[in-house]
Structure formats: C-alpha cells, structure tokens
Protein backbone atom coordinates (compact mmCIF):
# COMPACT_ATOMS: atom_id res chain seq x y z
CA MET A 1 -35.03 9.91 17.45
CA ALA A 2 -33.68 6.36 17.31
CA GLN A 3 -30.67 5.70 15.10
CA PRO A 4 -30.93 3.16 12.25
CA LEU A 5 -29.75 -0.35 13.16
CA LEU A 6 -26.50 -0.04 11.19
CA VAL A 7 -25.61 3.18 13.05
CA GLN A 8 -26.29 1.40 16.35
CA GLN A 9 -24.00 -1.46 15.24
CA ILE A 10 -21.26 0.99 14.26
CA ILE A 11 -21.50 2.78 17.61
CA GLU A 12 -21.29 -0.59 19.36
CA TYR A 13 -18.18 -1.43 17.29
CA MET A 14 -16.67 1.94 18.26
CA THR A 15 -16.95 1.04 21.95
CA THR A 16 -14.40 -1.74 21.33
CA LEU A 17 -11.79 0.77 20.15
CA PRO A 18 -9.25 2.67 22.24
CA ASP A 19 -9.24 6.46 21.91
CA LEU A 20 -10.05 7.34 18.30
CA MET A 21 -6.85 9.39 18.12
CA GLU A 22 -4.96 6.08 18.27
CA VAL A 23 -6.88 4.28 15.53
CA TYR A 24 -7.98 6.85 12.96
CA PHE A 25 -7.50 6.07 9.28
CA ARG A 26 -7.09 9.64 8.09
CA ARG A 27 -6.99 13.02 9.78
CA GLY A 28 -8.16 16.41 8.60
CA THR A 29 -7.81 19.73 10.38
CA ARG A 30 -11.19 19.41 12.11
CA CYS A 31 -11.91 15.70 12.24
CA LEU A 32 -10.66 12.14 12.21
CA TYR A 33 -11.88 9.57 9.72
CA LEU A 34 -12.23 5.84 10.36
CA GLU A 35 -13.51 3.11 8.06
CA TYR A 36 -16.09 0.72 9.48
CA ASN A 37 -16.47 -1.51 6.41
CA GLU A 38 -16.12 -1.14 2.63
CA ASP A 39 -19.29 0.97 2.41
CA TRP A 40 -19.40 3.14 5.55
CA GLY A 41 -16.98 5.25 7.55
CA ILE A 42 -17.06 7.49 10.60
CA LYS A 43 -16.22 11.19 10.73
CA ALA A 44 -15.25 12.16 14.30
CA PHE A 45 -15.00 15.89 14.97
CA PHE A 46 -13.26 17.70 17.79
CA ARG A 47 -16.06 20.28 18.05
CA LYS A 48 -19.82 19.79 18.06
CA HIS A 49 -20.62 22.72 15.77
CA HIS A 50 -18.14 21.48 13.13
CA CYS A 51 -19.81 18.06 13.20
CA TYR A 52 -23.32 19.45 12.78
CA GLU A 53 -22.29 21.95 10.11
CA SER A 54 -20.45 19.26 8.15
CA PHE A 55 -23.28 16.75 8.53
CA LYS A 56 -25.94 19.23 7.43
CA THR A 57 -23.98 20.33 4.35
CA GLN A 58 -22.93 16.80 3.37
CA HIS A 59 -26.46 15.47 3.81
CA TYR A 60 -27.82 18.28 1.62
CA LEU A 61 -25.17 17.86 -1.11
CA ALA A 62 -25.71 14.08 -1.13
CA ASP A 63 -29.27 14.72 -2.35
CA TYR A 64 -27.66 16.25 -5.46
CA GLU A 65 -25.10 13.40 -5.65
CA PHE A 66 -22.30 15.92 -4.99
CA ALA A 67 -21.26 14.22 -1.72
CA PRO A 68 -21.26 10.80 -0.06
CA ARG A 69 -24.52 9.83 1.66
CA THR A 70 -24.88 10.13 5.42
CA LEU A 71 -26.59 7.61 7.67
CA GLY A 72 -28.58 8.43 10.80
CA GLU A 73 -27.88 11.53 12.87
CA PRO A 74 -24.73 12.91 14.54
CA PHE A 75 -23.86 11.41 17.92
CA LYS A 76 -21.38 11.94 20.76
CA PHE A 77 -18.70 9.30 21.33
CA GLN A 78 -15.82 9.69 23.81
CA ASP A 79 -14.70 13.31 23.37
CA TYR A 80 -15.84 13.47 19.73
CA TRP A 81 -18.95 14.38 17.80
CA CYS A 82 -19.47 11.84 15.00
CA TYR A 83 -21.60 10.85 12.06
CA ILE A 84 -21.64 7.99 9.58
CA THR A 85 -20.67 8.65 5.98
CA GLU A 86 -20.60 6.62 2.79
CA ILE A 87 -17.04 5.80 1.74
CA ALA A 88 -15.61 7.51 -1.32
CA GLN A 89 -12.32 6.53 -2.92
CA THR A 90 -9.80 9.33 -2.49
CA LEU A 91 -7.90 10.51 -5.54
CA ILE A 92 -4.52 10.19 -3.82
CA ASP A 93 -3.32 7.21 -1.83
CA ASP A 94 -2.91 7.26 1.94
CA ASP A 95 0.85 7.92 1.97
CA PHE A 96 0.39 10.86 -0.37
CA TYR A 97 -2.57 12.08 1.68
CA GLU A 98 -0.58 12.03 4.92
CA CYS A 99 2.22 13.89 3.17
CA PHE A 100 -0.29 16.35 1.72
CA VAL A 101 -1.91 17.07 5.09
CA THR A 102 1.23 17.23 7.22
CA GLN A 103 3.37 18.88 4.53
CA ILE A 104 6.57 17.17 5.64
CA TYR A 105 9.52 19.16 4.32
CA SER A 106 12.12 16.73 3.05
CA THR A 107 13.37 15.22 -0.17
CA GLU A 108 10.75 12.52 0.25
CA TYR A 109 8.11 15.23 0.60
CA ASP A 110 9.26 16.92 -2.61
CA VAL A 111 8.98 13.65 -4.56
CA ARG A 112 5.55 12.86 -3.11
CA ARG A 113 4.37 16.45 -3.56
CA GLU A 114 5.29 16.28 -7.25
CA ALA A 115 3.21 13.11 -7.61
CA ILE A 116 0.30 14.81 -5.81
CA ASP A 117 0.62 17.86 -8.07
CA ASN A 118 0.59 15.62 -11.16
CA THR A 119 -2.55 13.84 -9.92
CA GLU A 120 -4.17 17.17 -9.04
CA ASP A 121 -3.36 18.53 -12.52
CA GLU A 122 -5.02 15.45 -14.02
CA TYR A 123 -8.26 16.14 -12.10
CA LEU A 124 -8.15 19.93 -11.89
CA GLN A 125 -10.74 20.63 -14.58
CA GLU A 126 -13.13 18.01 -13.13
CA ILE A 127 -12.63 19.41 -9.61
CA HIS A 128 -13.44 22.94 -10.74
CA THR A 129 -16.43 21.70 -12.74
CA LEU A 130 -17.74 19.98 -9.59
CA GLN A 131 -17.12 23.15 -7.60
CA ARG A 132 -19.10 25.26 -10.11
CA LYS A 133 -21.96 22.73 -10.25
CA ILE A 134 -22.25 22.69 -6.46
CA GLU A 135 -22.28 26.48 -6.30
CA MET A 136 -24.73 26.92 -9.21
CA GLU A 137 -27.18 24.19 -8.23
CA THR A 138 -27.14 24.56 -4.44
CA SER A 139 -25.83 28.10 -3.74
CA ILE A 140 -23.26 26.56 -1.36
CA ILE A 141 -19.84 28.17 -1.75
CA VAL A 142 -16.98 25.64 -1.96
CA ASP A 143 -13.73 27.33 -1.08
CA ASP A 144 -11.10 24.83 0.10
CA VAL A 145 -10.51 23.48 -3.40
CA HIS A 146 -7.76 20.86 -3.63
CA ILE A 147 -7.36 17.19 -4.45
CA GLY A 148 -7.46 16.11 -0.81
CA ASN A 149 -11.08 17.29 -0.50
CA VAL A 150 -12.45 15.34 -3.46
CA GLY A 151 -13.09 11.63 -3.99
CA LYS A 152 -14.98 9.23 -6.24
CA ILE A 153 -17.97 6.99 -5.77
CA GLY A 154 -18.05 4.82 -8.86
CA ASN A 155 -17.23 7.23 -11.69
CA ARG A 156 -18.80 10.22 -9.93
CA LEU A 157 -16.60 12.91 -8.36
CA VAL A 158 -17.81 13.96 -4.88
CA TRP A 159 -16.84 16.62 -2.34
CA LEU A 160 -15.47 15.33 0.98
CA ASP A 161 -14.79 18.36 3.19
CA PHE A 162 -17.67 20.51 4.40
CA VAL A 163 -16.22 22.73 7.18
C-alpha cells in the first residue's frame, strides 16, 4: 500500500537527519518523538511490535477523539519503526517533561517535580475522566496514568502513550 504524499515527504525529510537518537524532541521508554511541522510529528520505536501496537491503539482511539490522529501506515527508518502522528500540546513544558522522564534527583529536580505535581493536580480529575471514558467507550484499559501521557488538541484532552 502506497503511503500518502505527506508521509512520503516526511520520510524524505527524515533521510536528511543524522541518527534519530541525536535529534529527537522528546523520549519515552519505548520510543523517540520528533516534530516535523506544527501539525505532524514522528513516533520512532525501538521495537517493531511496540510500533504496531501503539499505532493500532492510537488509530482506533483517534476515531473516538481520545487520541491524536495518525497518518499513513507504520514504516521502517534506520533502526526504528515509525509512524506519523498529529501533534498534541503536552500539559507540561519540555524541561519539566525531561525532568519527569529522567527523574533527576537534585534540588532542581525537587523544585521542578513540585511544579509538575501542581500541574498534575490541576488536571487530575480531567485525566481520570478521560481514562474512564476510554475504558467505557472502547474497552481499552489505560493503565499508565500520569500527566506525561496526556496532551491537548484545542480544548480536548487526548491520550499520548499506547504501549
């Protein structure tokens, strides 16, 4: 199956990059995330089955508007398995996100962690409401519930982590 033109253009753009490990925008435990433009980003997974599982779940939840849209089909690039995803605004900024993911233990971490906790408290009820709606309407169990796995598209809260 041929990829949509935009996916082909994104893959062509990716060929101009060094190893994705050197240029990623954000990193999770199973994938890297890069932004292509203001609308679309790239999820690059270390393992094929994580990519396909994430893509399938995200694509399904996007039909319910519980997740960002996907574009095209997963593809192999360098040593990664990738797919294109609509960009959602994260609820914490990039410095906080990096601190949240790496859990740096320092005074700086404690200050940032407090700010993350305050932001998470602000959204906690909405996050749990989204979790319940996903589980009730789709029968998909959402278990890694924290502020780093949720974002916004417009005013709509969406889930961002699917494996």
